[in-house]
Amino acid sequence: MRRGAKAALVGGVFAVMVGGAGYGAYTVVNVLGEDGGPSASGAGAHPTGPPSRAEVRETATRFLTAWAKGDAAGAAAATDNAAAAAPALTGYREDASIREVRLTAGRISGTRVPFTVRATVTYEGSSKPLRYESALSVVRGIRTGRALVDWRPSVLHPWLRRGDTLETGEAATPPIRAVDRHGTVLTAAKYPSLAPVVDQLRANYGERVGGRPGIELYVRRAGQDAGTRTLLTLVKGRPGRLPTTLDASAQRAAERAAARYAESSVVAVRPSTGEVLAVANHRADGFNAAFEGKLAPGSTMKIVTAAMLIDNGVAEASGPAPCPRDATWQSQTFHNLRGMAPRADATLADSFARSCNTAFVKLVDEEPLTDASLADEARERFGLGRDDWRTGIASADGSVPASTGPDRAANAIGQGQVQLNPLNLASVTATARTGSFRQPVLVPKSLIDGAPATARGLSAGTAAQLRQMMRRTAVSGTGARAMAGLGGDIGAKTGSAEVDGQARPNSWFAGYRGDVAAAAMAQEGGHGGDTAGPIVAAVLRAGG
């Protein structure tokens, strides 16, 4: 355990008390603008609507001044959750050891006020300057109508999320020097997407690979095995060398490709071994959705569904799978993408390459399929939903439950109750490519406690038919535009997952080229070939 104290997140909110060496020493620099005035709150009825610019200016000034002054109660009173804010504000100064703070508020943008924190962290005779950017928003109190600071973890520091704590002290584990499969050093500075991955690797393996812990200001992530993230090193430790399965070239390509699309994630694996070659996320919240996300995968699930149909003798790649305009299953009507023409003479390969939903919905009613058939196929052949993957860091291995009613049909097209992440889908793609399930790993198996998960994999005939259909999708189907220019042994599957409340569907794409399989997801990215597709293609182009 780190021998430091912490300022805990209480009731879902978290902030920081900053001040000088004594409560009387503080500085607030205000550049909010000079067009403010007295609060518009007034007397009488509670004001309604968004806070005015004057109210935003006054509230931000009151909060930042009290914060810098060391007045925890005063700063908390300026928020919309004083009971939770007060202990967090006090704990930050006393336990995280931050002193001599200068706050510089930026210009108002609507109800948002950015600000810069400059401070000193002091612990057992060691001191280092600390500087970071943050922001606050002003909202109107529900009961009082007062303008108040909307209390969130990111007010303290943009890296903080719900449940995290901020601590200063001896590191829980020594730092690591993570290296790729060729010995190239992988740092969060050079590969920003790897920050949460390196944090977890350090937490899980720092002690095993030697080294000596230093003194740090750090964020302890919420949840078991979530790791820590260092904000500032006061005294350097000695890092231990940790080998990973990553490939620096593939990682670089993944980072660049994901950076082009908001809320996107991608994973690449080597089908012949299960080794993870790249993992990248481009998300505002810093969550490792590539490994831990749980979202409906849309039509990329048809890889598993097609395998189920073939394994149960319901269909084969060259056999009939008509694509009507609509299909009804137990009172729910399913449709295809807008503009898709019906095809009564379509084969399974045709409907797979075009991503025809109605063809798959009609086939799930065939004997001998049951409500549990898709779940059984996913678990026994592809290793999904078993809760036993040991990748080296925290990961979710998908959920494909047995479902009744309309969800049985919805699951078959990657909606309903099915949930995957890019890691799961990359593994599915790798299994289709080789016929064998090899549980993905991020570090050498010798470092991972326990045996990796196992599954039966696919028969040679089923795997051959899946490759045939995926190649057709990549060459002339819905994945052709994204995969254009990629030669050799290629395959792909697109997916678009509708989500209630979203203007656009989530974009999914799975593909392989030779001994590299990759999958990507972009929330609200639209069609799979438009957003997730180019991400996967860029990673496949880089190889590994």
Protein backbone atom coordinates (compact mmCIF):
# COMPACT_ATOMS: atom_id res chain seq x y z
CA MET A 1 0.00 0.00 0.00
CA ARG A 2 1.11 3.56 -0.59
CA ARG A 3 1.91 5.20 2.71
CA GLY A 4 0.10 8.46 2.02
CA ALA A 5 -3.19 10.03 2.89
CA LYS A 6 -6.08 10.64 0.59
CA ALA A 7 -8.88 13.05 -0.21
CA ALA A 8 -11.77 10.74 -0.99
CA LEU A 9 -14.65 11.22 -3.35
CA VAL A 10 -17.76 11.45 -1.21
CA GLY A 11 -21.24 11.04 -2.60
CA GLY A 12 -20.04 11.20 -6.21
CA VAL A 13 -18.38 14.59 -5.94
CA PHE A 14 -14.78 15.55 -5.35
CA ALA A 15 -12.83 18.79 -5.19
CA VAL A 16 -9.68 20.25 -3.80
CA MET A 17 -8.77 22.79 -1.14
CA VAL A 18 -5.83 24.89 -2.21
CA GLY A 19 -4.12 27.60 -0.22
CA GLY A 20 -0.84 29.00 0.96
CA ALA A 21 1.30 27.78 3.81
CA GLY A 22 -1.33 29.26 6.14
CA TYR A 23 -4.99 29.88 5.54
CA GLY A 24 -4.31 33.59 5.10
CA ALA A 25 -1.88 33.16 2.19
CA TYR A 26 -3.63 32.80 -1.15
CA THR A 27 -3.92 34.34 -4.58
CA VAL A 28 -6.75 34.46 -7.08
CA VAL A 29 -6.16 36.11 -10.44
CA ASN A 30 -9.45 37.05 -12.05
CA VAL A 31 -9.61 37.67 -15.79
CA LEU A 32 -13.28 36.80 -16.15
CA GLY A 33 -14.02 40.13 -17.78
CA GLU A 34 -15.20 43.47 -16.49
CA ASP A 35 -18.77 43.40 -17.75
CA GLY A 36 -20.14 41.70 -14.66
CA GLY A 37 -22.23 43.25 -11.97
CA PRO A 38 -24.26 42.38 -8.94
CA SER A 39 -26.01 39.04 -8.80
CA ALA A 40 -29.24 38.89 -10.72
CA SER A 41 -30.80 36.66 -8.11
CA GLY A 42 -32.59 39.47 -6.27
CA ALA A 43 -35.33 38.98 -3.74
CA GLY A 44 -38.73 37.42 -4.01
CA ALA A 45 -39.42 34.45 -6.29
CA HIS A 46 -36.57 32.10 -7.06
CA PRO A 47 -34.89 32.95 -10.36
CA THR A 48 -35.18 30.39 -13.14
CA GLY A 49 -33.39 29.60 -16.34
CA PRO A 50 -29.64 29.43 -16.97
CA PRO A 51 -27.46 31.61 -14.71
CA SER A 52 -26.63 35.01 -16.18
CA ARG A 53 -23.09 36.01 -17.03
CA ALA A 54 -23.00 38.19 -13.91
CA GLU A 55 -24.10 35.26 -11.75
CA VAL A 56 -21.51 32.97 -13.32
CA ARG A 57 -18.78 35.53 -12.69
CA GLU A 58 -19.83 36.16 -9.10
CA THR A 59 -20.22 32.45 -8.24
CA ALA A 60 -16.89 31.44 -9.81
CA THR A 61 -15.09 34.26 -7.99
CA ARG A 62 -16.66 33.35 -4.66
CA PHE A 63 -15.80 29.66 -5.06
CA LEU A 64 -12.22 30.14 -6.30
CA THR A 65 -11.45 32.74 -3.64
CA ALA A 66 -12.64 30.49 -0.82
CA TRP A 67 -10.85 27.52 -2.37
CA ALA A 68 -7.51 29.31 -2.55
CA LYS A 69 -8.00 30.87 0.89
CA GLY A 70 -8.42 27.48 2.55
CA ASP A 71 -12.02 28.15 3.52
CA ALA A 72 -13.47 24.69 2.91
CA ALA A 73 -16.89 25.57 4.28
CA GLY A 74 -17.10 28.74 2.22
CA ALA A 75 -16.04 27.02 -1.00
CA ALA A 76 -18.43 24.13 -0.36
CA ALA A 77 -21.29 26.56 0.24
CA ALA A 78 -20.76 27.89 -3.28
CA THR A 79 -21.44 24.43 -4.77
CA ASP A 80 -24.62 22.46 -5.38
CA ASN A 81 -23.51 19.71 -2.95
CA ALA A 82 -21.93 21.32 0.10
CA ALA A 83 -22.21 18.23 2.31
CA ALA A 84 -20.03 16.23 -0.04
CA ALA A 85 -17.73 19.09 -1.05
CA ALA A 86 -16.61 20.22 2.41
CA PRO A 87 -14.75 17.05 3.52
CA ALA A 88 -13.19 16.63 0.10
CA LEU A 89 -11.97 20.22 0.07
CA THR A 90 -10.47 19.86 3.52
CA GLY A 91 -8.92 16.50 2.77
CA TYR A 92 -7.21 17.73 -0.36
CA ARG A 93 -5.14 20.32 1.46
CA GLU A 94 -4.42 18.26 4.55
CA ASP A 95 -3.87 14.86 2.95
CA ALA A 96 -2.70 15.52 -0.61
CA SER A 97 -0.19 18.08 0.69
CA ILE A 98 -0.84 20.84 -1.84
CA ARG A 99 0.30 24.31 -0.78
CA GLU A 100 0.98 27.84 -2.10
CA VAL A 101 -1.72 27.85 -4.72
CA ARG A 102 -2.31 30.53 -7.35
CA LEU A 103 -5.60 30.29 -9.26
CA THR A 104 -6.01 32.06 -12.59
CA ALA A 105 -9.57 32.11 -13.89
CA GLY A 106 -10.11 32.36 -17.61
CA ARG A 107 -12.89 33.99 -19.59
CA ILE A 108 -16.46 32.84 -19.26
CA SER A 109 -17.95 30.73 -22.05
CA GLY A 110 -21.64 30.40 -21.35
CA THR A 111 -21.77 28.91 -17.85
CA ARG A 112 -18.29 27.38 -18.04
CA VAL A 113 -15.23 28.96 -16.43
CA PRO A 114 -11.78 27.53 -17.14
CA PHE A 115 -9.00 28.08 -14.64
CA THR A 116 -5.34 27.27 -14.09
CA VAL A 117 -3.95 25.88 -10.85
CA ARG A 118 -0.34 26.55 -9.92
CA ALA A 119 0.76 25.09 -6.59
CA THR A 120 3.46 23.25 -4.66
CA VAL A 121 3.25 19.67 -3.42
CA THR A 122 5.29 19.08 -0.28
CA TYR A 123 5.80 15.73 1.42
CA GLU A 124 8.38 14.75 4.05
CA GLY A 125 10.89 17.39 3.00
CA SER A 126 10.41 17.00 -0.77
CA SER A 127 8.65 19.66 -2.83
CA LYS A 128 7.71 20.05 -6.48
CA PRO A 129 5.66 22.64 -8.38
CA LEU A 130 2.29 21.50 -9.72
CA ARG A 131 0.40 23.08 -12.60
CA TYR A 132 -2.75 21.96 -14.38
CA GLU A 133 -5.82 23.27 -16.19
CA SER A 134 -9.36 22.60 -15.04
CA ALA A 135 -12.82 24.12 -15.37
CA LEU A 136 -16.06 24.56 -13.49
CA SER A 137 -19.63 25.09 -14.58
CA VAL A 138 -22.28 27.15 -12.84
CA VAL A 139 -25.82 25.82 -12.51
CA ARG A 140 -28.97 27.01 -10.77
CA GLY A 141 -29.83 25.31 -7.50
CA ILE A 142 -33.00 23.26 -7.76
CA ARG A 143 -34.45 24.29 -4.40
CA THR A 144 -33.10 27.82 -3.99
CA GLY A 145 -32.61 29.07 -7.52
CA ARG A 146 -29.12 30.30 -6.50
CA ALA A 147 -26.22 30.17 -8.95
CA LEU A 148 -23.87 27.41 -7.71
CA VAL A 149 -20.80 25.53 -8.88
CA ASP A 150 -21.72 22.17 -10.38
CA TRP A 151 -19.59 19.84 -8.24
CA ARG A 152 -17.76 17.18 -10.31
CA PRO A 153 -14.48 15.25 -9.97
CA SER A 154 -12.98 17.13 -12.91
CA VAL A 155 -13.15 20.43 -10.98
CA LEU A 156 -10.28 19.05 -8.92
CA HIS A 157 -8.37 17.61 -11.86
CA PRO A 158 -9.49 16.58 -15.36
CA TRP A 159 -8.12 13.05 -14.81
CA LEU A 160 -10.43 12.36 -11.90
CA ARG A 161 -13.53 10.23 -12.33
CA ARG A 162 -16.26 9.12 -9.99
CA GLY A 163 -14.91 7.08 -7.09
CA ASP A 164 -11.24 8.07 -7.56
CA THR A 165 -9.09 9.38 -4.72
CA LEU A 166 -6.12 11.71 -4.74
CA GLU A 167 -3.12 10.75 -2.61
CA THR A 168 0.45 11.81 -1.90
CA GLY A 169 2.98 9.38 -0.47
CA GLU A 170 5.12 6.40 -1.27
CA ALA A 171 4.00 4.65 -4.43
CA ALA A 172 1.99 1.45 -4.03
CA THR A 173 4.34 -0.27 -6.47
CA PRO A 174 7.58 0.62 -8.20
CA PRO A 175 7.32 2.34 -11.56
CA ILE A 176 7.65 0.16 -14.66
CA ARG A 177 9.37 0.55 -18.00
CA ALA A 178 6.91 -1.16 -20.33
CA VAL A 179 8.42 -2.37 -23.61
CA ASP A 180 6.85 -3.74 -26.75
CA ARG A 181 7.56 -7.12 -28.33
CA HIS A 182 10.74 -5.74 -29.90
CA GLY A 183 12.04 -3.93 -26.81
CA THR A 184 10.80 -0.43 -27.71
CA VAL A 185 9.88 1.57 -24.60
CA LEU A 186 6.17 2.41 -24.41
CA THR A 187 5.36 5.56 -22.44
CA ALA A 188 2.09 7.40 -21.92
CA ALA A 189 3.81 10.56 -23.11
CA LYS A 190 4.56 9.03 -26.51
CA TYR A 191 1.45 6.84 -26.68
CA PRO A 192 -1.24 8.76 -24.72
CA SER A 193 -3.84 6.08 -25.24
CA LEU A 194 -1.77 3.67 -23.19
CA ALA A 195 -2.00 5.75 -20.01
CA PRO A 196 -4.77 3.66 -18.37
CA VAL A 197 -3.13 0.46 -19.62
CA VAL A 198 0.28 1.34 -18.18
CA ASP A 199 -1.40 2.35 -14.90
CA GLN A 200 -2.94 -1.10 -14.56
CA LEU A 201 0.21 -2.90 -15.67
CA ARG A 202 2.14 -1.07 -13.01
CA ALA A 203 -0.42 -1.95 -10.34
CA ASN A 204 -0.47 -5.61 -11.36
CA TYR A 205 3.20 -6.26 -12.10
CA GLY A 206 5.32 -3.45 -10.68
CA GLU A 207 6.46 -5.51 -7.69
CA ARG A 208 7.12 -8.62 -9.77
CA VAL A 209 9.53 -6.94 -12.16
CA GLY A 210 11.69 -5.31 -9.46
CA GLY A 211 12.50 -1.68 -8.94
CA ARG A 212 11.97 0.72 -6.09
CA PRO A 213 8.91 2.91 -5.38
CA GLY A 214 9.23 6.68 -5.28
CA ILE A 215 7.19 9.49 -3.69
CA GLU A 216 4.30 10.71 -5.81
CA LEU A 217 1.08 12.66 -6.03
CA TYR A 218 -1.29 10.29 -7.78
CA VAL A 219 -4.86 9.34 -8.54
CA ARG A 220 -5.98 5.99 -7.19
CA ARG A 221 -8.62 4.69 -9.55
CA ALA A 222 -11.87 3.33 -8.22
CA GLY A 223 -12.42 -0.41 -8.43
CA GLN A 224 -10.29 -3.43 -7.80
CA ASP A 225 -7.14 -3.71 -9.94
CA ALA A 226 -7.90 -0.36 -11.57
CA GLY A 227 -4.41 0.91 -10.76
CA THR A 228 -3.14 4.41 -10.13
CA ARG A 229 -2.11 7.33 -12.30
CA THR A 230 0.79 9.52 -11.29
CA LEU A 231 0.21 13.28 -11.43
CA LEU A 232 3.59 14.37 -10.08
CA THR A 233 6.76 12.59 -9.01
CA LEU A 234 8.47 14.15 -6.01
CA VAL A 235 11.17 11.49 -5.59
CA LYS A 236 11.92 9.13 -8.46
CA GLY A 237 11.78 5.40 -7.93
CA ARG A 238 13.68 2.77 -9.89
CA PRO A 239 11.51 1.27 -12.66
CA GLY A 240 11.32 -2.44 -13.38
CA ARG A 241 11.27 -3.69 -16.98
CA LEU A 242 7.94 -5.20 -18.08
CA PRO A 243 7.64 -6.93 -21.47
CA THR A 244 4.30 -6.67 -23.27
CA THR A 245 2.85 -8.21 -26.43
CA LEU A 246 2.24 -4.79 -27.98
CA ASP A 247 3.85 -3.70 -31.23
CA ALA A 248 4.98 -0.07 -31.31
CA SER A 249 4.19 0.36 -35.03
CA ALA A 250 0.68 -1.04 -34.68
CA GLN A 251 0.15 0.99 -31.52
CA ARG A 252 1.22 4.19 -33.24
CA ALA A 253 -1.18 3.51 -36.11
CA ALA A 254 -4.00 2.73 -33.68
CA GLU A 255 -3.40 5.95 -31.74
CA ARG A 256 -3.40 8.09 -34.86
CA ALA A 257 -6.46 6.44 -36.37
CA ALA A 258 -8.54 6.63 -33.19
CA ALA A 259 -7.56 10.27 -32.66
CA ARG A 260 -9.52 11.19 -35.79
CA TYR A 261 -12.85 10.15 -34.29
CA ALA A 262 -14.40 11.12 -30.96
CA GLU A 263 -15.28 8.41 -28.42
CA SER A 264 -13.55 5.67 -30.39
CA SER A 265 -11.61 2.55 -29.39
CA VAL A 266 -9.64 -0.11 -31.25
CA VAL A 267 -7.82 -3.37 -30.47
CA ALA A 268 -5.58 -5.51 -32.67
CA VAL A 269 -4.56 -9.09 -31.90
CA ARG A 270 -2.43 -11.77 -33.54
CA PRO A 271 -4.83 -14.64 -34.42
CA SER A 272 -2.10 -17.29 -34.30
CA THR A 273 -1.24 -16.52 -30.66
CA GLY A 274 -3.89 -14.26 -29.12
CA GLU A 275 -1.26 -11.62 -28.37
CA VAL A 276 -2.61 -8.06 -28.26
CA LEU A 277 -0.67 -5.87 -30.69
CA ALA A 278 -2.40 -2.54 -30.08
CA VAL A 279 -5.03 -0.96 -27.86
CA ALA A 280 -6.12 2.64 -28.24
CA ASN A 281 -8.94 4.83 -26.96
CA HIS A 282 -9.88 8.39 -27.86
CA ARG A 283 -12.31 9.33 -25.13
CA ALA A 284 -12.95 12.37 -22.99
CA ASP A 285 -13.38 10.27 -19.84
CA GLY A 286 -10.12 8.28 -20.13
CA PHE A 287 -12.01 4.97 -19.80
CA ASN A 288 -10.39 1.91 -21.39
CA ALA A 289 -13.51 1.08 -23.39
CA ALA A 290 -11.42 -1.03 -25.76
CA PHE A 291 -11.01 -3.65 -23.01
CA GLU A 292 -13.75 -2.86 -20.50
CA GLY A 293 -16.60 -1.43 -22.57
CA LYS A 294 -19.98 -3.12 -22.84
CA LEU A 295 -22.10 -2.06 -25.80
CA ALA A 296 -24.28 -3.69 -28.44
CA PRO A 297 -22.00 -4.56 -31.42
CA GLY A 298 -24.60 -4.33 -34.17
CA SER A 299 -24.17 -6.48 -37.27
CA THR A 300 -20.58 -7.46 -36.47
CA MET A 301 -22.34 -10.04 -34.24
CA LYS A 302 -23.41 -11.76 -37.45
CA ILE A 303 -19.98 -13.44 -37.48
CA VAL A 304 -21.06 -15.45 -34.43
CA THR A 305 -24.65 -15.81 -35.67
CA ALA A 306 -23.49 -17.14 -39.04
CA ALA A 307 -21.27 -19.67 -37.27
CA MET A 308 -24.28 -20.77 -35.20
CA LEU A 309 -26.39 -21.23 -38.34
CA ILE A 310 -23.70 -23.28 -40.06
CA ASP A 311 -22.84 -25.39 -37.00
CA ASN A 312 -26.51 -26.26 -36.47
CA GLY A 313 -27.14 -27.16 -40.10
CA VAL A 314 -29.58 -24.29 -40.62
CA ALA A 315 -27.66 -22.61 -43.43
CA GLU A 316 -24.38 -22.57 -45.31
CA ALA A 317 -22.53 -19.84 -47.11
CA SER A 318 -23.79 -20.89 -50.56
CA GLY A 319 -27.27 -21.84 -49.34
CA PRO A 320 -30.46 -19.76 -49.41
CA ALA A 321 -30.93 -16.83 -47.02
CA PRO A 322 -33.57 -14.57 -48.63
CA CYS A 323 -33.46 -10.89 -47.73
CA PRO A 324 -37.03 -9.49 -47.48
CA ARG A 325 -37.80 -5.85 -46.85
CA ASP A 326 -39.11 -6.56 -43.32
CA ALA A 327 -39.18 -9.52 -40.94
CA THR A 328 -41.39 -9.98 -37.91
CA TRP A 329 -40.42 -12.06 -34.89
CA GLN A 330 -42.90 -12.45 -32.03
CA SER A 331 -44.70 -9.16 -32.75
CA GLN A 332 -41.54 -7.11 -33.34
CA THR A 333 -40.74 -5.99 -36.88
CA PHE A 334 -37.13 -5.69 -37.99
CA HIS A 335 -35.88 -3.61 -40.91
CA ASN A 336 -32.76 -3.29 -43.02
CA LEU A 337 -30.62 -0.24 -43.61
CA ARG A 338 -32.42 2.42 -45.58
CA GLY A 339 -32.09 1.88 -49.31
CA MET A 340 -31.31 -1.87 -49.18
CA ALA A 341 -33.25 -3.62 -51.94
CA PRO A 342 -34.93 -6.96 -51.07
CA ARG A 343 -33.45 -10.11 -52.61
CA ALA A 344 -35.50 -13.26 -52.60
CA ASP A 345 -32.67 -15.27 -54.20
CA ALA A 346 -29.92 -14.22 -51.75
CA THR A 347 -27.52 -16.75 -50.26
CA LEU A 348 -26.14 -16.55 -46.73
CA ALA A 349 -22.92 -15.11 -48.19
CA ASP A 350 -24.96 -12.47 -50.05
CA SER A 351 -26.93 -11.46 -46.96
CA PHE A 352 -23.79 -11.44 -44.80
CA ALA A 353 -21.86 -9.23 -47.24
CA ARG A 354 -24.81 -6.82 -47.59
CA SER A 355 -25.52 -7.02 -43.83
CA CYS A 356 -29.18 -7.92 -44.35
CA ASN A 357 -30.86 -7.99 -40.93
CA THR A 358 -34.08 -9.59 -42.08
CA ALA A 359 -32.33 -12.67 -43.50
CA PHE A 360 -30.76 -13.44 -40.13
CA VAL A 361 -33.96 -12.70 -38.20
CA LYS A 362 -35.91 -15.19 -40.32
CA LEU A 363 -33.24 -17.90 -39.94
CA VAL A 364 -33.16 -17.83 -36.10
CA ASP A 365 -36.62 -19.40 -36.14
CA GLU A 366 -35.38 -22.56 -37.83
CA GLU A 367 -35.06 -25.95 -36.15
CA PRO A 368 -33.10 -27.04 -34.14
CA LEU A 369 -32.29 -23.55 -32.84
CA THR A 370 -33.44 -22.55 -29.36
CA ASP A 371 -33.36 -19.44 -27.21
CA ALA A 372 -29.95 -20.58 -25.93
CA SER A 373 -28.30 -21.49 -29.25
CA LEU A 374 -26.54 -18.16 -29.85
CA ALA A 375 -25.34 -17.99 -26.23
CA ASP A 376 -23.99 -21.53 -26.50
CA GLU A 377 -22.17 -20.77 -29.75
CA ALA A 378 -20.63 -17.60 -28.32
CA ARG A 379 -19.47 -19.31 -25.14
CA GLU A 380 -18.35 -22.70 -26.44
CA ARG A 381 -16.86 -21.70 -29.80
CA PHE A 382 -15.71 -18.09 -29.29
CA GLY A 383 -15.04 -17.99 -25.52
CA LEU A 384 -17.44 -15.09 -24.91
CA GLY A 385 -19.45 -14.48 -21.77
CA ARG A 386 -17.52 -16.90 -19.57
CA ASP A 387 -16.09 -14.33 -17.12
CA ASP A 388 -12.73 -16.09 -17.13
CA TRP A 389 -10.49 -14.10 -19.47
CA ARG A 390 -7.11 -13.22 -17.96
CA THR A 391 -5.58 -10.66 -20.28
CA GLY A 392 -3.11 -9.05 -17.87
CA ILE A 393 -5.31 -6.06 -17.01
CA ALA A 394 -8.98 -5.50 -16.27
CA SER A 395 -11.17 -6.62 -19.16
CA ALA A 396 -14.73 -7.72 -19.91
CA ASP A 397 -15.21 -10.81 -22.02
CA GLY A 398 -18.62 -9.98 -23.43
CA SER A 399 -22.20 -10.93 -22.68
CA VAL A 400 -24.37 -13.04 -24.97
CA PRO A 401 -27.24 -14.27 -22.80
CA ALA A 402 -29.91 -16.76 -23.76
CA SER A 403 -32.93 -14.60 -24.58
CA THR A 404 -36.60 -15.13 -25.20
CA GLY A 405 -39.13 -13.09 -27.13
CA PRO A 406 -38.02 -10.38 -29.55
CA ASP A 407 -34.54 -10.28 -27.97
CA ARG A 408 -33.76 -13.70 -29.44
CA ALA A 409 -33.94 -12.19 -32.92
CA ALA A 410 -32.40 -8.87 -31.85
CA ASN A 411 -29.39 -10.67 -30.34
CA ALA A 412 -28.73 -12.36 -33.68
CA ILE A 413 -28.10 -8.97 -35.31
CA GLY A 414 -26.09 -7.57 -32.40
CA GLN A 415 -28.82 -5.64 -30.64
CA GLY A 416 -31.06 -6.82 -27.81
CA GLN A 417 -29.04 -7.96 -24.81
CA VAL A 418 -25.71 -8.66 -26.53
CA GLN A 419 -22.76 -6.59 -25.29
CA LEU A 420 -19.17 -6.63 -26.57
CA ASN A 421 -16.13 -4.39 -26.74
CA PRO A 422 -13.38 -4.07 -29.38
CA LEU A 423 -11.21 -6.63 -27.54
CA ASN A 424 -14.02 -9.21 -27.72
CA LEU A 425 -14.74 -8.47 -31.35
CA ALA A 426 -11.06 -8.63 -32.32
CA SER A 427 -10.95 -12.05 -30.66
CA VAL A 428 -14.08 -13.16 -32.54
CA THR A 429 -12.45 -12.04 -35.77
CA ALA A 430 -9.25 -13.90 -34.91
CA THR A 431 -11.23 -17.07 -34.17
CA ALA A 432 -13.00 -16.79 -37.52
CA ARG A 433 -9.64 -16.27 -39.22
CA THR A 434 -7.93 -19.37 -37.75
CA GLY A 435 -10.78 -21.52 -36.44
CA SER A 436 -9.12 -21.60 -33.00
CA PHE A 437 -9.99 -19.54 -29.94
CA ARG A 438 -6.91 -18.11 -28.28
CA GLN A 439 -7.70 -15.87 -25.34
CA PRO A 440 -6.12 -12.43 -25.85
CA VAL A 441 -3.18 -11.52 -23.61
CA LEU A 442 -1.29 -8.26 -23.13
CA VAL A 443 1.73 -9.59 -21.22
CA PRO A 444 3.61 -12.91 -21.31
CA LYS A 445 1.39 -15.71 -20.02
CA SER A 446 4.05 -16.59 -17.46
CA LEU A 447 3.23 -13.34 -15.62
CA ILE A 448 -0.53 -13.95 -15.49
CA ASP A 449 -1.93 -15.85 -12.53
CA GLY A 450 -4.04 -18.82 -13.59
CA ALA A 451 -4.56 -20.45 -16.95
CA PRO A 452 -6.04 -18.51 -19.90
CA ALA A 453 -9.64 -19.20 -20.89
CA THR A 454 -10.31 -21.96 -23.39
CA ALA A 455 -13.05 -22.72 -25.91
CA ARG A 456 -13.64 -25.38 -28.57
CA GLY A 457 -13.21 -23.09 -31.53
CA LEU A 458 -14.68 -23.79 -34.97
CA SER A 459 -14.66 -26.77 -37.26
CA ALA A 460 -12.53 -26.45 -40.37
CA GLY A 461 -15.67 -26.25 -42.52
CA THR A 462 -17.32 -23.51 -40.49
CA ALA A 463 -14.12 -21.43 -40.33
CA ALA A 464 -13.65 -21.77 -44.11
CA GLN A 465 -17.18 -20.53 -44.77
CA LEU A 466 -16.78 -17.59 -42.39
CA ARG A 467 -13.54 -16.57 -44.12
CA GLN A 468 -15.28 -16.82 -47.49
CA MET A 469 -18.10 -14.53 -46.34
CA MET A 470 -15.79 -12.07 -44.60
CA ARG A 471 -13.53 -11.84 -47.64
CA ARG A 472 -16.53 -11.10 -49.83
CA THR A 473 -17.61 -8.38 -47.39
CA ALA A 474 -14.13 -6.83 -47.53
CA VAL A 475 -13.81 -6.99 -51.30
CA SER A 476 -17.29 -6.19 -52.59
CA GLY A 477 -19.63 -5.84 -49.61
CA THR A 478 -20.28 -3.21 -46.97
CA GLY A 479 -16.63 -3.24 -45.85
CA ALA A 480 -15.12 -2.72 -49.30
CA ARG A 481 -14.66 1.05 -49.13
CA ALA A 482 -12.83 0.91 -45.79
CA MET A 483 -10.66 -2.05 -46.83
CA ALA A 484 -9.79 -0.64 -50.26
CA GLY A 485 -6.09 -0.95 -51.06
CA LEU A 486 -5.43 -3.76 -48.59
CA GLY A 487 -4.21 -6.84 -50.38
CA GLY A 488 -3.50 -10.40 -49.31
CA ASP A 489 -5.73 -12.53 -47.10
CA ILE A 490 -8.38 -10.09 -45.89
CA GLY A 491 -11.84 -10.22 -44.36
CA ALA A 492 -14.27 -7.82 -42.72
CA LYS A 493 -17.70 -7.24 -41.18
CA THR A 494 -19.48 -3.94 -40.57
CA GLY A 495 -21.96 -3.06 -37.85
CA SER A 496 -24.20 -0.20 -36.76
CA ALA A 497 -25.88 -0.41 -33.36
CA GLU A 498 -28.91 1.73 -32.60
CA VAL A 499 -28.99 3.20 -29.09
CA ASP A 500 -32.01 4.92 -27.52
CA GLY A 501 -31.45 8.64 -27.13
CA GLN A 502 -28.63 8.85 -29.67
CA ALA A 503 -28.96 10.80 -32.89
CA ARG A 504 -26.67 8.39 -34.73
CA PRO A 505 -25.88 4.68 -34.19
CA ASN A 506 -22.61 3.40 -32.81
CA SER A 507 -20.16 2.43 -35.54
CA TRP A 508 -18.48 -1.02 -35.38
CA PHE A 509 -16.04 -2.74 -37.72
CA ALA A 510 -14.08 -5.99 -37.62
CA GLY A 511 -11.38 -7.01 -40.05
CA TYR A 512 -8.28 -9.11 -40.57
CA ARG A 513 -5.30 -9.13 -42.85
CA GLY A 514 -2.92 -12.05 -42.64
CA ASP A 515 -2.01 -12.65 -39.01
CA VAL A 516 -3.53 -9.42 -37.67
CA ALA A 517 -7.18 -9.10 -36.61
CA ALA A 518 -8.61 -5.78 -35.43
CA ALA A 519 -11.90 -4.33 -34.27
CA ALA A 520 -13.01 -0.79 -33.58
CA MET A 521 -16.01 1.07 -32.21
CA ALA A 522 -16.96 4.75 -32.35
CA GLN A 523 -19.93 5.93 -30.33
CA GLU A 524 -22.43 7.79 -32.51
CA GLY A 525 -20.09 7.19 -35.44
CA GLY A 526 -22.83 6.13 -37.83
CA HIS A 527 -22.38 3.29 -40.29
CA GLY A 528 -19.63 0.80 -39.47
CA GLY A 529 -17.76 1.36 -42.70
CA ASP A 530 -17.71 5.14 -42.32
CA THR A 531 -15.97 5.60 -38.96
CA ALA A 532 -14.83 2.37 -37.31
CA GLY A 533 -13.83 0.95 -40.70
CA PRO A 534 -11.05 3.44 -41.45
CA ILE A 535 -9.66 2.93 -37.94
CA VAL A 536 -9.39 -0.83 -38.43
CA ALA A 537 -7.97 -0.44 -41.94
CA ALA A 538 -5.23 1.87 -40.67
CA VAL A 539 -4.17 -0.66 -38.05
CA LEU A 540 -4.22 -3.54 -40.54
CA ARG A 541 -2.17 -1.46 -42.94
CA ALA A 542 0.50 -0.99 -40.27
CA GLY A 543 0.61 -4.73 -39.58
CA GLY A 544 2.45 -6.05 -36.57
